[in-house]
Amino acid sequence: TYRGDVCRNVLRRDALLFFNYSLPNPEDAQEYLAQTAWGELDGVSSFCRPAARSLLCHATFQDCNPSGLGPAPKPVC
């Protein structure tokens, strides 16, 4: 589940999310990526910004697809 700040208004609190555990601290690393990119969205038009923020959050924190082979990220589209 998502416990960060950047995407708290975009992602559901109860959503199962995929975290890349090949990173030393995956939740913090992915939060940092989202936070860094979030600031760049200020240059996007206000008309497109909500969709861009949603895409950023869903691409950085992909839904998890649990399977018998282990968790895997669901494609964004």
PDB file of N, CA and C in Angstrom:
ATOM      1  N   THR A   1       0.837  -1.183   0.000  1.00  0.00           N
ATOM      2  CA  THR A   1       0.000   0.000   0.000  1.00  0.00           C
ATOM      3  C   THR A   1       0.883   1.248   0.000  1.00  0.00           C
ATOM      4  N   TYR A   2       0.296   2.344  -0.446  1.00  0.00           N
ATOM      5  CA  TYR A   2       1.048   3.594  -0.535  1.00  0.00           C
ATOM      6  C   TYR A   2       1.015   4.325   0.795  1.00  0.00           C
ATOM      7  N   ARG A   3       2.201   4.699   1.287  1.00  0.00           N
ATOM      8  CA  ARG A   3       2.311   5.422   2.556  1.00  0.00           C
ATOM      9  C   ARG A   3       3.057   6.740   2.392  1.00  0.00           C
ATOM     10  N   GLY A   4       3.251   7.181   1.159  1.00  0.00           N
ATOM     11  CA  GLY A   4       4.005   8.404   0.910  1.00  0.00           C
ATOM     12  C   GLY A   4       3.137   9.647   0.953  1.00  0.00           C
ATOM     13  N   ASP A   5       3.726  10.748   0.503  1.00  0.00           N
ATOM     14  CA  ASP A   5       3.041  12.035   0.521  1.00  0.00           C
ATOM     15  C   ASP A   5       2.721  12.568  -0.867  1.00  0.00           C
ATOM     16  N   VAL A   6       3.647  12.409  -1.798  1.00  0.00           N
ATOM     17  CA  VAL A   6       3.518  13.042  -3.109  1.00  0.00           C
ATOM     18  C   VAL A   6       2.240  12.627  -3.829  1.00  0.00           C
ATOM     19  N   CYS A   7       1.924  11.360  -3.818  1.00  0.00           N
ATOM     20  CA  CYS A   7       0.781  10.840  -4.586  1.00  0.00           C
ATOM     21  C   CYS A   7      -0.422  10.500  -3.717  1.00  0.00           C
ATOM     22  N   ARG A   8      -0.461  11.008  -2.498  1.00  0.00           N
ATOM     23  CA  ARG A   8      -1.538  10.617  -1.572  1.00  0.00           C
ATOM     24  C   ARG A   8      -2.930  11.011  -2.055  1.00  0.00           C
ATOM     25  N   ASN A   9      -3.033  12.071  -2.866  1.00  0.00           N
ATOM     26  CA  ASN A   9      -4.342  12.479  -3.380  1.00  0.00           C
ATOM     27  C   ASN A   9      -4.671  11.833  -4.720  1.00  0.00           C
ATOM     28  N   VAL A  10      -3.755  11.019  -5.227  1.00  0.00           N
ATOM     29  CA  VAL A  10      -3.952  10.366  -6.524  1.00  0.00           C
ATOM     30  C   VAL A  10      -4.184   8.868  -6.350  1.00  0.00           C
ATOM     31  N   LEU A  11      -3.391   8.235  -5.491  1.00  0.00           N
ATOM     32  CA  LEU A  11      -3.467   6.785  -5.306  1.00  0.00           C
ATOM     33  C   LEU A  11      -4.395   6.435  -4.147  1.00  0.00           C
ATOM     34  N   ARG A  12      -5.098   5.336  -4.297  1.00  0.00           N
ATOM     35  CA  ARG A  12      -5.945   4.849  -3.201  1.00  0.00           C
ATOM     36  C   ARG A  12      -5.056   4.326  -2.072  1.00  0.00           C
ATOM     37  N   ARG A  13      -5.426   4.602  -0.866  1.00  0.00           N
ATOM     38  CA  ARG A  13      -4.644   4.143   0.292  1.00  0.00           C
ATOM     39  C   ARG A  13      -4.635   2.620   0.409  1.00  0.00           C
ATOM     40  N   ASP A  14      -5.681   1.958  -0.070  1.00  0.00           N
ATOM     41  CA  ASP A  14      -5.771   0.506   0.077  1.00  0.00           C
ATOM     42  C   ASP A  14      -5.302  -0.254  -1.165  1.00  0.00           C
ATOM     43  N   ALA A  15      -4.730   0.448  -2.137  1.00  0.00           N
ATOM     44  CA  ALA A  15      -4.286  -0.203  -3.372  1.00  0.00           C
ATOM     45  C   ALA A  15      -3.043  -1.051  -3.108  1.00  0.00           C
ATOM     46  N   LEU A  16      -2.990  -2.215  -3.748  1.00  0.00           N
ATOM     47  CA  LEU A  16      -1.778  -3.025  -3.707  1.00  0.00           C
ATOM     48  C   LEU A  16      -0.819  -2.473  -4.748  1.00  0.00           C
ATOM     49  N   LEU A  17       0.374  -2.106  -4.319  1.00  0.00           N
ATOM     50  CA  LEU A  17       1.342  -1.492  -5.216  1.00  0.00           C
ATOM     51  C   LEU A  17       2.578  -2.365  -5.344  1.00  0.00           C
ATOM     52  N   PHE A  18       3.214  -2.271  -6.503  1.00  0.00           N
ATOM     53  CA  PHE A  18       4.451  -2.997  -6.757  1.00  0.00           C
ATOM     54  C   PHE A  18       5.623  -2.111  -6.360  1.00  0.00           C
ATOM     55  N   PHE A  19       6.509  -2.634  -5.527  1.00  0.00           N
ATOM     56  CA  PHE A  19       7.728  -1.926  -5.160  1.00  0.00           C
ATOM     57  C   PHE A  19       8.910  -2.711  -5.689  1.00  0.00           C
ATOM     58  N   ASN A  20       9.847  -2.015  -6.303  1.00  0.00           N
ATOM     59  CA  ASN A  20      11.015  -2.630  -6.914  1.00  0.00           C
ATOM     60  C   ASN A  20      12.036  -2.946  -5.823  1.00  0.00           C
ATOM     61  N   TYR A  21      12.015  -4.171  -5.335  1.00  0.00           N
ATOM     62  CA  TYR A  21      12.881  -4.548  -4.227  1.00  0.00           C
ATOM     63  C   TYR A  21      14.314  -4.819  -4.649  1.00  0.00           C
ATOM     64  N   SER A  22      14.651  -4.545  -5.908  1.00  0.00           N
ATOM     65  CA  SER A  22      16.063  -4.583  -6.292  1.00  0.00           C
ATOM     66  C   SER A  22      16.755  -3.299  -5.826  1.00  0.00           C
ATOM     67  N   LEU A  23      15.976  -2.306  -5.420  1.00  0.00           N
ATOM     68  CA  LEU A  23      16.521  -1.067  -4.860  1.00  0.00           C
ATOM     69  C   LEU A  23      16.724  -1.251  -3.358  1.00  0.00           C
ATOM     70  N   PRO A  24      17.719  -0.580  -2.766  1.00  0.00           N
ATOM     71  CA  PRO A  24      17.977  -0.745  -1.332  1.00  0.00           C
ATOM     72  C   PRO A  24      16.781  -0.387  -0.445  1.00  0.00           C
ATOM     73  N   ASN A  25      16.085   0.678  -0.744  1.00  0.00           N
ATOM     74  CA  ASN A  25      14.920   1.097   0.035  1.00  0.00           C
ATOM     75  C   ASN A  25      13.840   1.499  -0.965  1.00  0.00           C
ATOM     76  N   PRO A  26      13.100   0.527  -1.500  1.00  0.00           N
ATOM     77  CA  PRO A  26      12.225   0.794  -2.643  1.00  0.00           C
ATOM     78  C   PRO A  26      11.139   1.841  -2.414  1.00  0.00           C
ATOM     79  N   GLU A  27      10.504   1.840  -1.265  1.00  0.00           N
ATOM     80  CA  GLU A  27       9.437   2.824  -1.046  1.00  0.00           C
ATOM     81  C   GLU A  27       9.995   4.242  -1.056  1.00  0.00           C
ATOM     82  N   ASP A  28      11.101   4.457  -0.367  1.00  0.00           N
ATOM     83  CA  ASP A  28      11.705   5.793  -0.337  1.00  0.00           C
ATOM     84  C   ASP A  28      12.271   6.180  -1.694  1.00  0.00           C
ATOM     85  N   ALA A  29      12.880   5.226  -2.397  1.00  0.00           N
ATOM     86  CA  ALA A  29      13.463   5.519  -3.709  1.00  0.00           C
ATOM     87  C   ALA A  29      12.381   5.911  -4.709  1.00  0.00           C
ATOM     88  N   GLN A  30      11.282   5.176  -4.722  1.00  0.00           N
ATOM     89  CA  GLN A  30      10.198   5.486  -5.649  1.00  0.00           C
ATOM     90  C   GLN A  30       9.511   6.797  -5.259  1.00  0.00           C
ATOM     91  N   GLU A  31       9.395   7.069  -3.978  1.00  0.00           N
ATOM     92  CA  GLU A  31       8.824   8.338  -3.516  1.00  0.00           C
ATOM     93  C   GLU A  31       9.719   9.499  -3.963  1.00  0.00           C
ATOM     94  N   TYR A  32      11.036   9.313  -3.865  1.00  0.00           N
ATOM     95  CA  TYR A  32      11.974  10.353  -4.295  1.00  0.00           C
ATOM     96  C   TYR A  32      11.835  10.621  -5.795  1.00  0.00           C
ATOM     97  N   LEU A  33      11.716   9.555  -6.589  1.00  0.00           N
ATOM     98  CA  LEU A  33      11.530   9.730  -8.034  1.00  0.00           C
ATOM     99  C   LEU A  33      10.262  10.523  -8.327  1.00  0.00           C
ATOM    100  N   ALA A  34       9.181  10.164  -7.664  1.00  0.00           N
ATOM    101  CA  ALA A  34       7.913  10.868  -7.885  1.00  0.00           C
ATOM    102  C   ALA A  34       8.018  12.324  -7.436  1.00  0.00           C
ATOM    103  N   GLN A  35       8.646  12.554  -6.305  1.00  0.00           N
ATOM    104  CA  GLN A  35       8.783  13.914  -5.774  1.00  0.00           C
ATOM    105  C   GLN A  35       9.617  14.783  -6.713  1.00  0.00           C
ATOM    106  N   THR A  36      10.681  14.222  -7.257  1.00  0.00           N
ATOM    107  CA  THR A  36      11.539  14.959  -8.179  1.00  0.00           C
ATOM    108  C   THR A  36      10.785  15.319  -9.450  1.00  0.00           C
ATOM    109  N   ALA A  37      10.073  14.361 -10.010  1.00  0.00           N
ATOM    110  CA  ALA A  37       9.328  14.603 -11.248  1.00  0.00           C
ATOM    111  C   ALA A  37       8.131  15.519 -11.007  1.00  0.00           C
ATOM    112  N   TRP A  38       7.523  15.433  -9.820  1.00  0.00           N
ATOM    113  CA  TRP A  38       6.339  16.241  -9.491  1.00  0.00           C
ATOM    114  C   TRP A  38       6.629  17.725  -9.675  1.00  0.00           C
ATOM    115  N   GLY A  39       7.809  18.160  -9.242  1.00  0.00           N
ATOM    116  CA  GLY A  39       8.181  19.563  -9.369  1.00  0.00           C
ATOM    117  C   GLY A  39       8.264  20.021 -10.815  1.00  0.00           C
ATOM    118  N   GLU A  40       8.607  19.113 -11.706  1.00  0.00           N
ATOM    119  CA  GLU A  40       8.696  19.449 -13.126  1.00  0.00           C
ATOM    120  C   GLU A  40       7.316  19.682 -13.740  1.00  0.00           C
ATOM    121  N   LEU A  41       6.268  19.190 -13.105  1.00  0.00           N
ATOM    122  CA  LEU A  41       4.920  19.323 -13.657  1.00  0.00           C
ATOM    123  C   LEU A  41       4.361  20.734 -13.510  1.00  0.00           C
ATOM    124  N   ASP A  42       5.044  21.582 -12.770  1.00  0.00           N
ATOM    125  CA  ASP A  42       4.592  22.974 -12.662  1.00  0.00           C
ATOM    126  C   ASP A  42       4.637  23.677 -14.013  1.00  0.00           C
ATOM    127  N   GLY A  43       5.487  23.204 -14.915  1.00  0.00           N
ATOM    128  CA  GLY A  43       5.584  23.791 -16.245  1.00  0.00           C
ATOM    129  C   GLY A  43       4.530  23.305 -17.211  1.00  0.00           C
ATOM    130  N   VAL A  44       3.750  22.317 -16.810  1.00  0.00           N
ATOM    131  CA  VAL A  44       2.681  21.764 -17.649  1.00  0.00           C
ATOM    132  C   VAL A  44       1.441  22.646 -17.500  1.00  0.00           C
ATOM    133  N   SER A  45       0.682  22.787 -18.559  1.00  0.00           N
ATOM    134  CA  SER A  45      -0.516  23.631 -18.493  1.00  0.00           C
ATOM    135  C   SER A  45      -1.473  23.116 -17.419  1.00  0.00           C
ATOM    136  N   SER A  46      -2.203  24.024 -16.816  1.00  0.00           N
ATOM    137  CA  SER A  46      -3.132  23.644 -15.749  1.00  0.00           C
ATOM    138  C   SER A  46      -4.220  22.707 -16.259  1.00  0.00           C
ATOM    139  N   PHE A  47      -4.491  22.756 -17.544  1.00  0.00           N
ATOM    140  CA  PHE A  47      -5.481  21.859 -18.144  1.00  0.00           C
ATOM    141  C   PHE A  47      -4.980  20.412 -18.136  1.00  0.00           C
ATOM    142  N   CYS A  48      -3.692  20.224 -18.376  1.00  0.00           N
ATOM    143  CA  CYS A  48      -3.109  18.877 -18.472  1.00  0.00           C
ATOM    144  C   CYS A  48      -2.520  18.371 -17.157  1.00  0.00           C
ATOM    145  N   ARG A  49      -2.282  19.256 -16.210  1.00  0.00           N
ATOM    146  CA  ARG A  49      -1.572  18.884 -14.984  1.00  0.00           C
ATOM    147  C   ARG A  49      -2.229  17.743 -14.204  1.00  0.00           C
ATOM    148  N   PRO A  50      -3.553  17.714 -14.004  1.00  0.00           N
ATOM    149  CA  PRO A  50      -4.136  16.586 -13.254  1.00  0.00           C
ATOM    150  C   PRO A  50      -3.874  15.233 -13.920  1.00  0.00           C
ATOM    151  N   ALA A  51      -3.994  15.173 -15.234  1.00  0.00           N
ATOM    152  CA  ALA A  51      -3.733  13.912 -15.939  1.00  0.00           C
ATOM    153  C   ALA A  51      -2.257  13.547 -15.861  1.00  0.00           C
ATOM    154  N   ALA A  52      -1.383  14.538 -15.969  1.00  0.00           N
ATOM    155  CA  ALA A  52       0.057  14.279 -15.891  1.00  0.00           C
ATOM    156  C   ALA A  52       0.440  13.773 -14.502  1.00  0.00           C
ATOM    157  N   ARG A  53      -0.138  14.351 -13.470  1.00  0.00           N
ATOM    158  CA  ARG A  53       0.152  13.902 -12.101  1.00  0.00           C
ATOM    159  C   ARG A  53      -0.359  12.482 -11.871  1.00  0.00           C
ATOM    160  N   SER A  54      -1.538  12.188 -12.378  1.00  0.00           N
ATOM    161  CA  SER A  54      -2.084  10.843 -12.246  1.00  0.00           C
ATOM    162  C   SER A  54      -1.193   9.827 -12.959  1.00  0.00           C
ATOM    163  N   LEU A  55      -0.770  10.154 -14.168  1.00  0.00           N
ATOM    164  CA  LEU A  55       0.107   9.256 -14.922  1.00  0.00           C
ATOM    165  C   LEU A  55       1.431   9.060 -14.192  1.00  0.00           C
ATOM    166  N   LEU A  56       2.010  10.130 -13.688  1.00  0.00           N
ATOM    167  CA  LEU A  56       3.269  10.037 -12.950  1.00  0.00           C
ATOM    168  C   LEU A  56       3.133   9.093 -11.761  1.00  0.00           C
ATOM    169  N   CYS A  57       2.098   9.270 -10.973  1.00  0.00           N
ATOM    170  CA  CYS A  57       1.919   8.444  -9.776  1.00  0.00           C
ATOM    171  C   CYS A  57       1.654   6.987 -10.126  1.00  0.00           C
ATOM    172  N   HIS A  58       0.839   6.756 -11.132  1.00  0.00           N
ATOM    173  CA  HIS A  58       0.531   5.377 -11.500  1.00  0.00           C
ATOM    174  C   HIS A  58       1.692   4.692 -12.211  1.00  0.00           C
ATOM    175  N   ALA A  59       2.563   5.451 -12.851  1.00  0.00           N
ATOM    176  CA  ALA A  59       3.746   4.864 -13.488  1.00  0.00           C
ATOM    177  C   ALA A  59       4.834   4.580 -12.451  1.00  0.00           C
ATOM    178  N   THR A  60       4.971   5.458 -11.466  1.00  0.00           N
ATOM    179  CA  THR A  60       5.995   5.277 -10.433  1.00  0.00           C
ATOM    180  C   THR A  60       5.576   4.220  -9.422  1.00  0.00           C
ATOM    181  N   PHE A  61       4.314   4.223  -9.062  1.00  0.00           N
ATOM    182  CA  PHE A  61       3.771   3.265  -8.098  1.00  0.00           C
ATOM    183  C   PHE A  61       2.724   2.411  -8.812  1.00  0.00           C
ATOM    184  N   GLN A  62       3.207   1.458  -9.593  1.00  0.00           N
ATOM    185  CA  GLN A  62       2.303   0.622 -10.379  1.00  0.00           C
ATOM    186  C   GLN A  62       1.496  -0.302  -9.481  1.00  0.00           C
ATOM    187  N   ASP A  63       0.263  -0.583  -9.909  1.00  0.00           N
ATOM    188  CA  ASP A  63      -0.541  -1.568  -9.202  1.00  0.00           C
ATOM    189  C   ASP A  63       0.184  -2.903  -9.235  1.00  0.00           C
ATOM    190  N   CYS A  64       0.025  -3.675  -8.191  1.00  0.00           N
ATOM    191  CA  CYS A  64       0.668  -4.977  -8.095  1.00  0.00           C
ATOM    192  C   CYS A  64      -0.281  -6.057  -8.599  1.00  0.00           C
ATOM    193  N   ASN A  65       0.267  -6.981  -9.344  1.00  0.00           N
ATOM    194  CA  ASN A  65      -0.485  -8.118  -9.850  1.00  0.00           C
ATOM    195  C   ASN A  65       0.062  -9.364  -9.165  1.00  0.00           C
ATOM    196  N   PRO A  66      -0.496  -9.736  -7.998  1.00  0.00           N
ATOM    197  CA  PRO A  66       0.017 -10.915  -7.302  1.00  0.00           C
ATOM    198  C   PRO A  66      -0.278 -12.175  -8.102  1.00  0.00           C
ATOM    199  N   SER A  67       0.703 -13.046  -8.175  1.00  0.00           N
ATOM    200  CA  SER A  67       0.514 -14.304  -8.901  1.00  0.00           C
ATOM    201  C   SER A  67       1.301 -15.393  -8.194  1.00  0.00           C
ATOM    202  N   GLY A  68       1.139 -16.605  -8.673  1.00  0.00           N
ATOM    203  CA  GLY A  68       1.875 -17.726  -8.103  1.00  0.00           C
ATOM    204  C   GLY A  68       3.373 -17.614  -8.301  1.00  0.00           C
ATOM    205  N   LEU A  69       3.791 -16.812  -9.258  1.00  0.00           N
ATOM    206  CA  LEU A  69       5.214 -16.624  -9.533  1.00  0.00           C
ATOM    207  C   LEU A  69       5.803 -15.474  -8.727  1.00  0.00           C
ATOM    208  N   GLY A  70       4.979 -14.800  -7.947  1.00  0.00           N
ATOM    209  CA  GLY A  70       5.424 -13.649  -7.175  1.00  0.00           C
ATOM    210  C   GLY A  70       4.788 -12.382  -7.694  1.00  0.00           C
ATOM    211  N   PRO A  71       4.942 -11.303  -6.973  1.00  0.00           N
ATOM    212  CA  PRO A  71       4.324 -10.043  -7.392  1.00  0.00           C
ATOM    213  C   PRO A  71       4.957  -9.510  -8.671  1.00  0.00           C
ATOM    214  N   ALA A  72       4.138  -8.876  -9.473  1.00  0.00           N
ATOM    215  CA  ALA A  72       4.603  -8.266 -10.721  1.00  0.00           C
ATOM    216  C   ALA A  72       3.830  -6.973 -10.934  1.00  0.00           C
ATOM    217  N   PRO A  73       4.458  -5.976 -11.575  1.00  0.00           N
ATOM    218  CA  PRO A  73       3.738  -4.724 -11.826  1.00  0.00           C
ATOM    219  C   PRO A  73       2.730  -4.885 -12.951  1.00  0.00           C
ATOM    220  N   LYS A  74       1.563  -4.290 -12.773  1.00  0.00           N
ATOM    221  CA  LYS A  74       0.584  -4.244 -13.859  1.00  0.00           C
ATOM    222  C   LYS A  74       0.981  -3.114 -14.795  1.00  0.00           C
ATOM    223  N   PRO A  75       0.793  -3.292 -16.099  1.00  0.00           N
ATOM    224  CA  PRO A  75       1.072  -2.186 -17.022  1.00  0.00           C
ATOM    225  C   PRO A  75       0.152  -0.998 -16.726  1.00  0.00           C
ATOM    226  N   VAL A  76       0.639   0.208 -16.961  1.00  0.00           N
ATOM    227  CA  VAL A  76      -0.156   1.410 -16.715  1.00  0.00           C
ATOM    228  C   VAL A  76      -1.321   1.470 -17.689  1.00  0.00           C
ATOM    229  N   CYS A  77      -1.068   1.131 -18.936  1.00  0.00           N
ATOM    230  CA  CYS A  77      -2.125   1.177 -19.954  1.00  0.00           C
ATOM    231  C   CYS A  77      -2.523  -0.222 -20.364  1.00  0.00           C
TER     232      CYS A  77
END
